[in-house]
Each structure stands twice: as structure tokens, then as C-alpha cells.
Amino acid sequence: MGLEPTRLAAHDPKSCLSANSSTTPRAQIISVRGKYVNNWYNVAFECAHRISRKSSLEVILGRVINPETAGKERTQLTRAVTLALRELMRQTEANGATRDLAAFIAITLETVAGTIDPSVAAWEKRGYWVKADHFRMEWLWTGQIAHSMRQAVLQDEWGTVARLSVQIAQKLSTVKLPQRHRLGTPWVGAYERLKVINKP
């Protein structure tokens, strides 16, 4: 099956949330992220070794997020996702490269979700709860789509992968890649690592 997201109707990631849910944004993102973040950081660290040692993405994926640099790290991670999306949308069939790309996108989005709490920690200390919750809601989609993408690639649901790719592209439409981004091809081997952590 060819991956042609342009044939798919745009789907709003917010539909992942229950319209009647009374759970606070903070509780939702913690719930989504808490189940997977530990394993995902381990996989992300291994994926990072595919990048040049000089790449800052390797450092970001391989350690706990620093609250003071979370914003810059989130920018680097979203650029990596954008690059992987471009490559994924060029694919015409499901193969090893396609699986690596989709797995890497899921891993990196989960890492992005992990930057949210450190980013709002300072606001919460100062009592800016509304601002913190608004920011969490703005980025809540990253953990949700990461989980959906993970399940889709492991189950070879390429229609779902294509649909999710459209959603991600819409969310990251303002992300710009510099001509000399030095990101390399960090997705190589991501699928095999994803299968390892998915084992019971």
C-alpha cells in the first residue's frame, strides 16, 4: 500500500480527547506519558547513536530534560520529526525504511512530550497554573499521537500511519529546517528497537 497522506481527509488530533472528559490537562498528559516514557527514553537513546556525535539531538534523546533548556530541545526534536515526516511521505510502499521512519517519529514525539513538564515547572512554582495547563494542552497531542503511531507501525496499519502523519504535519507546519541541520538519519534501526521494548 502506498503511503499517500494527501488522499486522506485531515483529522484533528484533538479528537483523541474525549469531549466530555473532566480530567485536567495536567492529569491527562501525565497519564499518557507515564505509561511509556521510561522505555521510550531508552529506545530514543539507542536511536540517537545513529546521529553524528556532534549532533545536539543525540544529547537531547539520551538524557533527562533540563528545565532551563527544554524549549530549545523541543525545537530540535520537532525539526527531527519534520525531517522524518518528509522522508516518510516520499515512501510508496511499506518496507524497512518506512517502519524505521514511523517508529522514530513515535519515539521522538514521546520525547517531546517529556519536555512539557520541565517547561512549565517554573510557572507552577510561581502559581501560574492556568498558563501551565494551557501549555500542557497545547502539546498534549504529542504523547497521544506517539502512542497511536507506535501501535500502528507495530501492527502494520499503514493507513493509520498515513493519517497520523497528516495530523503531525499540520501540527508542525510552522517548523522550519535549516539547510545545514546536521540531523543525519537518526531513524535507522528504530523499528527493531521499538519491537524490543514492546515485548511483554
N, C-alpha and C. Protein backbone atom coordinates (compact mmCIF):
# COMPACT_ATOMS: atom_id res chain seq x y z
N MET A 1 0.85 -1.20 0.00
CA MET A 1 0.00 0.00 0.00
C MET A 1 0.87 1.23 0.00
N GLY A 2 0.64 2.17 -0.89
CA GLY A 2 1.40 3.40 -0.93
C GLY A 2 0.99 4.33 0.19
N LEU A 3 1.92 5.05 0.74
CA LEU A 3 1.62 6.00 1.78
C LEU A 3 1.41 7.35 1.14
N GLU A 4 0.16 7.73 0.91
CA GLU A 4 -0.13 8.99 0.27
C GLU A 4 -1.10 9.77 1.14
N PRO A 5 -0.56 10.50 2.14
CA PRO A 5 -1.40 11.21 3.09
C PRO A 5 -2.33 12.20 2.44
N THR A 6 -1.99 12.72 1.25
CA THR A 6 -2.84 13.72 0.62
C THR A 6 -4.20 13.16 0.25
N ARG A 7 -4.30 11.84 0.18
CA ARG A 7 -5.59 11.23 -0.15
C ARG A 7 -6.48 11.07 1.07
N LEU A 8 -5.92 11.32 2.22
CA LEU A 8 -6.66 11.10 3.44
C LEU A 8 -7.28 12.41 3.91
N ALA A 9 -8.45 12.32 4.45
CA ALA A 9 -9.08 13.53 4.98
C ALA A 9 -8.32 13.97 6.20
N ALA A 10 -8.11 15.28 6.36
CA ALA A 10 -7.39 15.81 7.53
C ALA A 10 -8.19 15.47 8.77
N HIS A 11 -7.49 15.05 9.76
CA HIS A 11 -8.13 14.62 11.00
C HIS A 11 -7.54 15.41 12.15
N ASP A 12 -8.39 16.05 12.94
CA ASP A 12 -7.92 16.89 14.03
C ASP A 12 -7.46 16.02 15.18
N PRO A 13 -6.18 16.14 15.62
CA PRO A 13 -5.69 15.33 16.73
C PRO A 13 -6.50 15.51 18.00
N LYS A 14 -7.23 16.66 18.11
CA LYS A 14 -7.99 16.88 19.32
C LYS A 14 -9.10 15.86 19.49
N SER A 15 -9.45 15.16 18.41
CA SER A 15 -10.49 14.15 18.50
C SER A 15 -10.07 12.99 19.37
N CYS A 16 -8.75 12.89 19.64
CA CYS A 16 -8.26 11.84 20.52
C CYS A 16 -8.75 12.05 21.94
N LEU A 17 -9.12 13.31 22.27
CA LEU A 17 -9.57 13.61 23.60
C LEU A 17 -11.07 13.42 23.70
N SER A 18 -11.53 12.96 24.79
CA SER A 18 -12.96 12.84 24.99
C SER A 18 -13.55 14.22 25.23
N ALA A 19 -14.59 14.55 24.52
CA ALA A 19 -15.18 15.87 24.62
C ALA A 19 -15.81 16.08 25.98
N ASN A 20 -16.21 15.00 26.63
CA ASN A 20 -16.87 15.12 27.92
C ASN A 20 -15.95 14.85 29.09
N SER A 21 -14.67 14.70 28.83
CA SER A 21 -13.74 14.36 29.89
C SER A 21 -13.59 15.50 30.86
N SER A 22 -13.58 15.20 32.15
CA SER A 22 -13.39 16.21 33.18
C SER A 22 -11.97 16.20 33.71
N THR A 23 -11.14 15.33 33.15
CA THR A 23 -9.75 15.24 33.60
C THR A 23 -8.99 16.49 33.20
N THR A 24 -8.19 17.03 34.12
CA THR A 24 -7.43 18.24 33.81
C THR A 24 -6.35 17.93 32.79
N PRO A 25 -5.92 18.95 32.02
CA PRO A 25 -4.84 18.74 31.04
C PRO A 25 -3.59 18.17 31.68
N ARG A 26 -3.26 18.63 32.89
CA ARG A 26 -2.06 18.13 33.56
C ARG A 26 -2.18 16.64 33.83
N ALA A 27 -3.35 16.22 34.31
CA ALA A 27 -3.55 14.80 34.62
C ALA A 27 -3.54 13.95 33.36
N GLN A 28 -4.11 14.49 32.25
CA GLN A 28 -4.14 13.74 31.01
C GLN A 28 -2.75 13.48 30.46
N ILE A 29 -1.93 14.52 30.41
CA ILE A 29 -0.60 14.32 29.81
C ILE A 29 0.28 13.44 30.68
N ILE A 30 0.11 13.57 32.02
CA ILE A 30 0.89 12.72 32.91
C ILE A 30 0.48 11.27 32.75
N SER A 31 -0.85 11.04 32.58
CA SER A 31 -1.35 9.68 32.41
C SER A 31 -0.84 9.07 31.12
N VAL A 32 -0.91 9.85 30.02
CA VAL A 32 -0.45 9.32 28.73
C VAL A 32 1.03 9.06 28.75
N ARG A 33 1.80 10.01 29.29
CA ARG A 33 3.25 9.91 29.23
C ARG A 33 3.81 8.89 30.22
N GLY A 34 3.16 8.80 31.39
CA GLY A 34 3.71 7.97 32.45
C GLY A 34 3.85 6.51 32.10
N LYS A 35 2.95 6.00 31.23
CA LYS A 35 2.95 4.58 30.91
C LYS A 35 4.12 4.18 30.02
N TYR A 36 4.62 5.14 29.24
CA TYR A 36 5.59 4.76 28.21
C TYR A 36 6.93 5.46 28.28
N VAL A 37 7.02 6.55 29.04
CA VAL A 37 8.18 7.42 28.88
C VAL A 37 9.50 6.74 29.24
N ASN A 38 9.52 5.89 30.26
CA ASN A 38 10.78 5.27 30.64
C ASN A 38 11.36 4.40 29.54
N ASN A 39 10.55 3.50 28.99
CA ASN A 39 11.04 2.66 27.90
C ASN A 39 11.38 3.46 26.67
N TRP A 40 10.60 4.48 26.41
CA TRP A 40 10.83 5.26 25.20
C TRP A 40 12.13 6.03 25.27
N TYR A 41 12.49 6.53 26.44
CA TYR A 41 13.76 7.23 26.56
C TYR A 41 14.93 6.28 26.27
N ASN A 42 14.80 5.02 26.73
CA ASN A 42 15.86 4.05 26.45
C ASN A 42 16.01 3.80 24.96
N VAL A 43 14.89 3.64 24.26
CA VAL A 43 14.94 3.42 22.82
C VAL A 43 15.46 4.66 22.12
N ALA A 44 15.03 5.83 22.57
CA ALA A 44 15.47 7.08 21.96
C ALA A 44 16.98 7.23 22.07
N PHE A 45 17.53 6.83 23.20
CA PHE A 45 18.98 6.94 23.37
C PHE A 45 19.72 6.08 22.35
N GLU A 46 19.22 4.86 22.12
CA GLU A 46 19.88 3.99 21.15
C GLU A 46 19.75 4.56 19.74
N CYS A 47 18.58 5.12 19.42
CA CYS A 47 18.39 5.72 18.10
C CYS A 47 19.35 6.88 17.89
N ALA A 48 19.63 7.60 18.96
CA ALA A 48 20.48 8.78 18.84
C ALA A 48 21.89 8.44 18.41
N HIS A 49 22.33 7.21 18.67
CA HIS A 49 23.69 6.83 18.28
C HIS A 49 23.86 6.75 16.76
N ARG A 50 22.73 6.82 16.03
CA ARG A 50 22.80 6.82 14.58
C ARG A 50 23.18 8.20 14.04
N ILE A 51 23.17 9.19 14.91
CA ILE A 51 23.44 10.56 14.50
C ILE A 51 24.91 10.87 14.77
N SER A 52 25.43 11.85 14.12
CA SER A 52 26.80 12.29 14.36
C SER A 52 27.00 12.64 15.82
N ARG A 53 28.19 12.39 16.35
CA ARG A 53 28.47 12.71 17.74
C ARG A 53 28.33 14.19 18.02
N LYS A 54 28.48 15.00 17.01
CA LYS A 54 28.39 16.43 17.18
C LYS A 54 26.95 16.92 17.21
N SER A 55 26.00 16.05 16.89
CA SER A 55 24.61 16.47 16.83
C SER A 55 24.04 16.65 18.23
N SER A 56 23.36 17.78 18.44
CA SER A 56 22.75 18.04 19.75
C SER A 56 21.56 17.14 20.00
N LEU A 57 20.98 16.56 18.94
CA LEU A 57 19.82 15.68 19.12
C LEU A 57 20.21 14.44 19.91
N GLU A 58 21.42 13.95 19.75
CA GLU A 58 21.88 12.77 20.49
C GLU A 58 21.85 13.05 21.98
N VAL A 59 22.27 14.24 22.36
CA VAL A 59 22.29 14.61 23.77
C VAL A 59 20.88 14.71 24.32
N ILE A 60 19.99 15.33 23.54
CA ILE A 60 18.62 15.52 23.99
C ILE A 60 17.91 14.20 24.22
N LEU A 61 18.06 13.26 23.27
CA LEU A 61 17.34 11.99 23.36
C LEU A 61 17.93 11.07 24.42
N GLY A 62 19.15 11.34 24.85
CA GLY A 62 19.82 10.40 25.73
C GLY A 62 19.84 10.76 27.19
N ARG A 63 19.11 11.80 27.59
CA ARG A 63 19.16 12.17 28.99
C ARG A 63 17.86 12.81 29.44
N VAL A 64 17.77 13.09 30.74
CA VAL A 64 16.61 13.75 31.30
C VAL A 64 16.61 15.21 30.85
N ILE A 65 15.42 15.72 30.51
CA ILE A 65 15.30 17.07 30.00
C ILE A 65 15.63 18.10 31.08
N ASN A 66 16.46 19.07 30.73
CA ASN A 66 16.81 20.17 31.61
C ASN A 66 15.74 21.25 31.50
N PRO A 67 15.10 21.64 32.62
CA PRO A 67 14.04 22.65 32.56
C PRO A 67 14.48 23.95 31.89
N GLU A 68 15.75 24.31 32.04
CA GLU A 68 16.23 25.57 31.50
C GLU A 68 16.46 25.52 30.00
N THR A 69 16.56 24.32 29.44
CA THR A 69 16.83 24.19 28.00
C THR A 69 15.74 23.41 27.28
N ALA A 70 14.65 23.12 27.97
CA ALA A 70 13.58 22.28 27.39
C ALA A 70 13.02 22.87 26.10
N GLY A 71 12.88 24.19 26.05
CA GLY A 71 12.35 24.83 24.86
C GLY A 71 13.23 24.62 23.64
N LYS A 72 14.55 24.81 23.81
CA LYS A 72 15.48 24.61 22.70
C LYS A 72 15.52 23.15 22.28
N GLU A 73 15.45 22.27 23.25
CA GLU A 73 15.48 20.84 22.93
C GLU A 73 14.21 20.42 22.19
N ARG A 74 13.09 21.00 22.58
CA ARG A 74 11.83 20.69 21.89
C ARG A 74 11.90 21.16 20.44
N THR A 75 12.52 22.29 20.21
CA THR A 75 12.69 22.78 18.84
C THR A 75 13.52 21.81 18.01
N GLN A 76 14.61 21.30 18.58
CA GLN A 76 15.46 20.35 17.86
C GLN A 76 14.72 19.06 17.57
N LEU A 77 13.95 18.61 18.52
CA LEU A 77 13.20 17.36 18.35
C LEU A 77 12.11 17.51 17.29
N THR A 78 11.40 18.61 17.30
CA THR A 78 10.35 18.80 16.30
C THR A 78 10.94 18.93 14.90
N ARG A 79 12.14 19.46 14.80
CA ARG A 79 12.81 19.50 13.50
C ARG A 79 13.14 18.09 13.02
N ALA A 80 13.57 17.24 13.95
CA ALA A 80 13.87 15.86 13.59
C ALA A 80 12.62 15.14 13.11
N VAL A 81 11.50 15.38 13.77
CA VAL A 81 10.24 14.78 13.36
C VAL A 81 9.84 15.28 11.97
N THR A 82 10.01 16.57 11.74
CA THR A 82 9.68 17.15 10.43
C THR A 82 10.51 16.52 9.32
N LEU A 83 11.79 16.33 9.60
CA LEU A 83 12.66 15.70 8.61
C LEU A 83 12.22 14.27 8.32
N ALA A 84 11.92 13.52 9.38
CA ALA A 84 11.46 12.14 9.21
C ALA A 84 10.13 12.08 8.47
N LEU A 85 9.24 13.04 8.74
CA LEU A 85 7.96 13.08 8.04
C LEU A 85 8.15 13.26 6.54
N ARG A 86 9.07 14.14 6.18
CA ARG A 86 9.34 14.36 4.75
C ARG A 86 9.79 13.08 4.07
N GLU A 87 10.64 12.36 4.76
CA GLU A 87 11.13 11.10 4.19
C GLU A 87 10.02 10.06 4.13
N LEU A 88 9.20 10.02 5.17
CA LEU A 88 8.11 9.04 5.23
C LEU A 88 7.11 9.27 4.11
N MET A 89 6.81 10.52 3.84
CA MET A 89 5.81 10.83 2.82
C MET A 89 6.32 10.59 1.40
N ARG A 90 7.62 10.36 1.27
CA ARG A 90 8.17 10.01 -0.05
C ARG A 90 8.06 8.51 -0.33
N GLN A 91 7.77 7.74 0.71
CA GLN A 91 7.72 6.30 0.55
C GLN A 91 6.48 5.90 -0.24
N THR A 92 6.62 4.87 -1.06
CA THR A 92 5.49 4.39 -1.87
C THR A 92 5.01 3.01 -1.44
N GLU A 93 5.73 2.39 -0.49
CA GLU A 93 5.33 1.08 0.00
C GLU A 93 5.90 0.87 1.39
N ALA A 94 5.30 -0.09 2.09
CA ALA A 94 5.78 -0.41 3.43
C ALA A 94 7.04 -1.28 3.32
N ASN A 95 8.13 -0.78 3.86
CA ASN A 95 9.39 -1.52 3.84
C ASN A 95 10.19 -1.18 5.09
N GLY A 96 11.44 -1.61 5.13
CA GLY A 96 12.25 -1.36 6.31
C GLY A 96 12.42 0.10 6.62
N ALA A 97 12.65 0.90 5.59
CA ALA A 97 12.83 2.34 5.79
C ALA A 97 11.55 2.99 6.32
N THR A 98 10.41 2.55 5.79
CA THR A 98 9.13 3.10 6.23
C THR A 98 8.89 2.80 7.70
N ARG A 99 9.18 1.58 8.11
CA ARG A 99 8.97 1.20 9.50
C ARG A 99 9.91 1.97 10.43
N ASP A 100 11.16 2.12 10.03
CA ASP A 100 12.11 2.89 10.83
C ASP A 100 11.65 4.33 11.01
N LEU A 101 11.19 4.94 9.93
CA LEU A 101 10.75 6.33 9.97
C LEU A 101 9.56 6.51 10.90
N ALA A 102 8.55 5.65 10.77
CA ALA A 102 7.37 5.76 11.61
C ALA A 102 7.71 5.51 13.07
N ALA A 103 8.56 4.53 13.32
CA ALA A 103 8.96 4.24 14.70
C ALA A 103 9.73 5.41 15.30
N PHE A 104 10.61 6.01 14.52
CA PHE A 104 11.39 7.15 15.01
C PHE A 104 10.49 8.34 15.33
N ILE A 105 9.50 8.58 14.48
CA ILE A 105 8.57 9.68 14.74
C ILE A 105 7.85 9.47 16.06
N ALA A 106 7.40 8.24 16.30
CA ALA A 106 6.71 7.94 17.56
C ALA A 106 7.63 8.16 18.76
N ILE A 107 8.86 7.67 18.65
CA ILE A 107 9.82 7.80 19.75
C ILE A 107 10.11 9.27 20.04
N THR A 108 10.34 10.03 18.99
CA THR A 108 10.73 11.43 19.17
C THR A 108 9.57 12.27 19.70
N LEU A 109 8.36 11.98 19.25
CA LEU A 109 7.21 12.70 19.77
C LEU A 109 7.01 12.42 21.26
N GLU A 110 7.28 11.19 21.67
CA GLU A 110 7.17 10.88 23.09
C GLU A 110 8.22 11.65 23.89
N THR A 111 9.39 11.83 23.31
CA THR A 111 10.43 12.62 23.97
C THR A 111 10.02 14.08 24.05
N VAL A 112 9.37 14.58 22.99
CA VAL A 112 8.84 15.95 23.02
C VAL A 112 7.84 16.09 24.17
N ALA A 113 6.97 15.10 24.32
CA ALA A 113 6.00 15.14 25.42
C ALA A 113 6.70 15.21 26.77
N GLY A 114 7.88 14.61 26.83
CA GLY A 114 8.64 14.63 28.07
C GLY A 114 9.26 15.98 28.40
N THR A 115 9.25 16.91 27.45
CA THR A 115 9.79 18.25 27.72
C THR A 115 8.76 19.18 28.31
N ILE A 116 7.49 18.77 28.32
CA ILE A 116 6.43 19.69 28.72
C ILE A 116 6.46 20.02 30.21
N ASP A 117 6.50 18.99 31.05
CA ASP A 117 6.51 19.24 32.49
C ASP A 117 7.70 20.10 32.93
N PRO A 118 8.92 19.81 32.46
CA PRO A 118 10.05 20.68 32.82
C PRO A 118 9.85 22.12 32.35
N SER A 119 9.17 22.30 31.22
CA SER A 119 8.95 23.65 30.70
C SER A 119 8.03 24.48 31.58
N VAL A 120 7.03 23.84 32.17
CA VAL A 120 6.04 24.58 32.96
C VAL A 120 6.34 24.57 34.46
N ALA A 121 7.40 23.89 34.86
CA ALA A 121 7.71 23.78 36.29
C ALA A 121 7.87 25.15 36.94
N ALA A 122 8.58 26.05 36.26
CA ALA A 122 8.81 27.38 36.83
C ALA A 122 7.50 28.15 36.98
N TRP A 123 6.60 28.01 36.01
CA TRP A 123 5.31 28.70 36.09
C TRP A 123 4.50 28.19 37.28
N GLU A 124 4.52 26.88 37.48
CA GLU A 124 3.75 26.32 38.60
C GLU A 124 4.30 26.75 39.95
N LYS A 125 5.60 26.87 40.04
CA LYS A 125 6.21 27.32 41.29
C LYS A 125 5.76 28.74 41.65
N ARG A 126 5.45 29.52 40.60
CA ARG A 126 5.02 30.90 40.81
C ARG A 126 3.50 31.02 40.84
N GLY A 127 2.81 29.88 40.75
CA GLY A 127 1.35 29.88 40.85
C GLY A 127 0.62 30.15 39.56
N TYR A 128 1.32 30.07 38.41
CA TYR A 128 0.67 30.32 37.12
C TYR A 128 0.07 29.02 36.58
N TRP A 129 -0.94 28.51 37.30
CA TRP A 129 -1.49 27.21 36.96
C TRP A 129 -2.24 27.22 35.63
N VAL A 130 -2.97 28.29 35.35
CA VAL A 130 -3.73 28.37 34.11
C VAL A 130 -2.79 28.39 32.91
N LYS A 131 -1.72 29.17 33.01
CA LYS A 131 -0.74 29.25 31.93
C LYS A 131 -0.08 27.88 31.71
N ALA A 132 0.24 27.21 32.82
CA ALA A 132 0.88 25.89 32.72
C ALA A 132 -0.06 24.87 32.08
N ASP A 133 -1.32 24.88 32.50
CA ASP A 133 -2.28 23.92 31.94
C ASP A 133 -2.55 24.21 30.46
N HIS A 134 -2.58 25.47 30.09
CA HIS A 134 -2.79 25.82 28.68
C HIS A 134 -1.64 25.30 27.82
N PHE A 135 -0.42 25.43 28.34
CA PHE A 135 0.75 24.95 27.60
C PHE A 135 0.71 23.44 27.48
N ARG A 136 0.32 22.76 28.56
CA ARG A 136 0.20 21.30 28.51
C ARG A 136 -0.83 20.88 27.47
N MET A 137 -1.95 21.56 27.43
CA MET A 137 -2.99 21.22 26.46
C MET A 137 -2.50 21.44 25.04
N GLU A 138 -1.70 22.49 24.85
CA GLU A 138 -1.18 22.80 23.52
C GLU A 138 -0.31 21.67 22.97
N TRP A 139 0.41 21.00 23.87
CA TRP A 139 1.34 19.94 23.45
C TRP A 139 0.85 18.54 23.81
N LEU A 140 -0.36 18.43 24.32
CA LEU A 140 -0.89 17.13 24.74
C LEU A 140 -0.91 16.12 23.60
N TRP A 141 -1.13 16.60 22.39
CA TRP A 141 -1.24 15.73 21.23
C TRP A 141 0.02 14.89 20.99
N THR A 142 1.19 15.38 21.41
CA THR A 142 2.43 14.66 21.12
C THR A 142 2.45 13.27 21.74
N GLY A 143 2.10 13.17 23.00
CA GLY A 143 2.07 11.87 23.65
C GLY A 143 0.99 10.96 23.10
N GLN A 144 -0.14 11.54 22.77
CA GLN A 144 -1.26 10.74 22.26
C GLN A 144 -0.95 10.17 20.88
N ILE A 145 -0.46 11.03 19.99
CA ILE A 145 -0.16 10.56 18.64
C ILE A 145 1.04 9.62 18.65
N ALA A 146 1.99 9.87 19.55
CA ALA A 146 3.13 8.96 19.66
C ALA A 146 2.66 7.54 19.97
N HIS A 147 1.73 7.43 20.90
CA HIS A 147 1.21 6.11 21.26
C HIS A 147 0.46 5.47 20.09
N SER A 148 -0.36 6.27 19.40
CA SER A 148 -1.11 5.75 18.26
C SER A 148 -0.19 5.32 17.13
N MET A 149 0.85 6.12 16.88
CA MET A 149 1.80 5.78 15.83
C MET A 149 2.55 4.51 16.19
N ARG A 150 2.90 4.37 17.43
CA ARG A 150 3.61 3.17 17.89
C ARG A 150 2.79 1.92 17.62
N GLN A 151 1.52 1.96 18.00
CA GLN A 151 0.66 0.81 17.79
C GLN A 151 0.45 0.53 16.30
N ALA A 152 0.29 1.58 15.51
CA ALA A 152 0.03 1.42 14.08
C ALA A 152 1.21 0.79 13.36
N VAL A 153 2.42 1.24 13.65
CA VAL A 153 3.59 0.70 12.95
C VAL A 153 3.86 -0.74 13.36
N LEU A 154 3.64 -1.06 14.62
CA LEU A 154 3.88 -2.42 15.09
C LEU A 154 2.85 -3.41 14.53
N GLN A 155 1.67 -2.89 14.19
CA GLN A 155 0.61 -3.74 13.67
C GLN A 155 0.45 -3.61 12.15
N ASP A 156 1.40 -2.92 11.51
CA ASP A 156 1.37 -2.73 10.05
C ASP A 156 0.08 -2.08 9.57
N GLU A 157 -0.42 -1.13 10.31
CA GLU A 157 -1.62 -0.40 9.91
C GLU A 157 -1.19 0.88 9.20
N TRP A 158 -0.85 0.75 7.93
CA TRP A 158 -0.23 1.86 7.22
C TRP A 158 -1.21 2.96 6.84
N GLY A 159 -2.48 2.63 6.75
CA GLY A 159 -3.47 3.68 6.56
C GLY A 159 -3.50 4.61 7.76
N THR A 160 -3.40 4.00 8.96
CA THR A 160 -3.37 4.79 10.18
C THR A 160 -2.09 5.61 10.28
N VAL A 161 -0.97 5.01 9.89
CA VAL A 161 0.30 5.73 9.90
C VAL A 161 0.21 6.96 9.00
N ALA A 162 -0.38 6.80 7.82
CA ALA A 162 -0.53 7.92 6.89
C ALA A 162 -1.43 9.01 7.47
N ARG A 163 -2.53 8.60 8.09
CA ARG A 163 -3.45 9.57 8.68
C ARG A 163 -2.78 10.33 9.81
N LEU A 164 -2.06 9.62 10.66
CA LEU A 164 -1.36 10.28 11.76
C LEU A 164 -0.27 11.22 11.25
N SER A 165 0.36 10.83 10.15
CA SER A 165 1.40 11.68 9.57
C SER A 165 0.82 13.02 9.12
N VAL A 166 -0.40 12.98 8.58
CA VAL A 166 -1.07 14.22 8.19
C VAL A 166 -1.31 15.10 9.41
N GLN A 167 -1.78 14.49 10.49
CA GLN A 167 -2.04 15.25 11.71
C GLN A 167 -0.77 15.90 12.24
N ILE A 168 0.31 15.13 12.27
CA ILE A 168 1.58 15.65 12.77
C ILE A 168 2.07 16.79 11.89
N ALA A 169 1.97 16.61 10.58
CA ALA A 169 2.41 17.65 9.65
C ALA A 169 1.63 18.94 9.86
N GLN A 170 0.35 18.82 10.14
CA GLN A 170 -0.47 20.00 10.41
C GLN A 170 -0.02 20.69 11.69
N LYS A 171 0.25 19.91 12.71
CA LYS A 171 0.67 20.48 13.99
C LYS A 171 2.04 21.15 13.90
N LEU A 172 2.91 20.60 13.07
CA LEU A 172 4.28 21.11 12.97
C LEU A 172 4.50 21.92 11.68
N SER A 173 3.43 22.46 11.14
CA SER A 173 3.51 23.16 9.85
C SER A 173 4.40 24.40 9.91
N THR A 174 4.61 24.95 11.09
CA THR A 174 5.43 26.17 11.21
C THR A 174 6.91 25.86 11.48
N VAL A 175 7.23 24.59 11.65
CA VAL A 175 8.62 24.21 11.93
C VAL A 175 9.45 24.32 10.65
N LYS A 176 10.56 25.02 10.75
CA LYS A 176 11.45 25.22 9.61
C LYS A 176 12.77 24.48 9.84
N LEU A 177 13.22 23.80 8.79
CA LEU A 177 14.50 23.10 8.86
C LEU A 177 15.58 23.95 8.22
N PRO A 178 16.66 24.24 8.95
CA PRO A 178 17.77 24.95 8.32
C PRO A 178 18.42 24.08 7.26
N GLN A 179 19.04 24.71 6.26
CA GLN A 179 19.66 23.94 5.18
C GLN A 179 20.74 23.01 5.70
N ARG A 180 21.49 23.44 6.69
CA ARG A 180 22.54 22.61 7.28
C ARG A 180 22.12 22.21 8.69
N HIS A 181 21.19 21.29 8.74
CA HIS A 181 20.62 20.90 10.04
C HIS A 181 21.46 19.87 10.79
N ARG A 182 22.31 19.12 10.09
CA ARG A 182 23.19 18.12 10.71
C ARG A 182 22.42 17.07 11.53
N LEU A 183 21.19 16.79 11.15
CA LEU A 183 20.41 15.78 11.87
C LEU A 183 20.72 14.36 11.41
N GLY A 184 21.23 14.23 10.21
CA GLY A 184 21.57 12.90 9.71
C GLY A 184 20.34 12.06 9.44
N THR A 185 20.45 10.75 9.71
CA THR A 185 19.33 9.82 9.55
C THR A 185 19.13 9.03 10.84
N PRO A 186 18.67 9.70 11.88
CA PRO A 186 18.56 9.07 13.20
C PRO A 186 17.53 7.97 13.30
N TRP A 187 16.69 7.82 12.27
CA TRP A 187 15.64 6.80 12.32
C TRP A 187 16.13 5.39 11.99
N VAL A 188 17.33 5.24 11.47
CA VAL A 188 17.82 3.92 11.08
C VAL A 188 17.88 2.99 12.29
N GLY A 189 17.19 1.86 12.22
CA GLY A 189 17.18 0.88 13.31
C GLY A 189 16.10 1.10 14.35
N ALA A 190 15.29 2.16 14.20
CA ALA A 190 14.29 2.47 15.22
C ALA A 190 13.22 1.38 15.35
N TYR A 191 12.85 0.77 14.24
CA TYR A 191 11.78 -0.23 14.28
C TYR A 191 12.17 -1.44 15.11
N GLU A 192 13.38 -1.93 14.92
CA GLU A 192 13.82 -3.10 15.68
C GLU A 192 13.88 -2.79 17.18
N ARG A 193 14.32 -1.64 17.53
CA ARG A 193 14.37 -1.25 18.94
C ARG A 193 12.98 -1.11 19.52
N LEU A 194 12.06 -0.61 18.70
CA LEU A 194 10.69 -0.49 19.14
C LEU A 194 10.07 -1.85 19.42
N LYS A 195 10.37 -2.82 18.60
CA LYS A 195 9.84 -4.18 18.82
C LYS A 195 10.39 -4.77 20.11
N VAL A 196 11.62 -4.46 20.44
CA VAL A 196 12.22 -5.00 21.66
C VAL A 196 11.48 -4.52 22.89
N ILE A 197 11.21 -3.22 22.98
CA ILE A 197 10.55 -2.72 24.18
C ILE A 197 9.06 -3.06 24.22
N ASN A 198 8.51 -3.49 23.09
CA ASN A 198 7.10 -3.85 23.07
C ASN A 198 6.85 -5.27 23.56
N LYS A 199 7.93 -6.04 23.74
CA LYS A 199 7.76 -7.41 24.21
C LYS A 199 7.30 -7.39 25.67
N PRO A 200 6.39 -8.30 26.05
CA PRO A 200 5.90 -8.35 27.43
C PRO A 200 7.00 -8.70 28.41
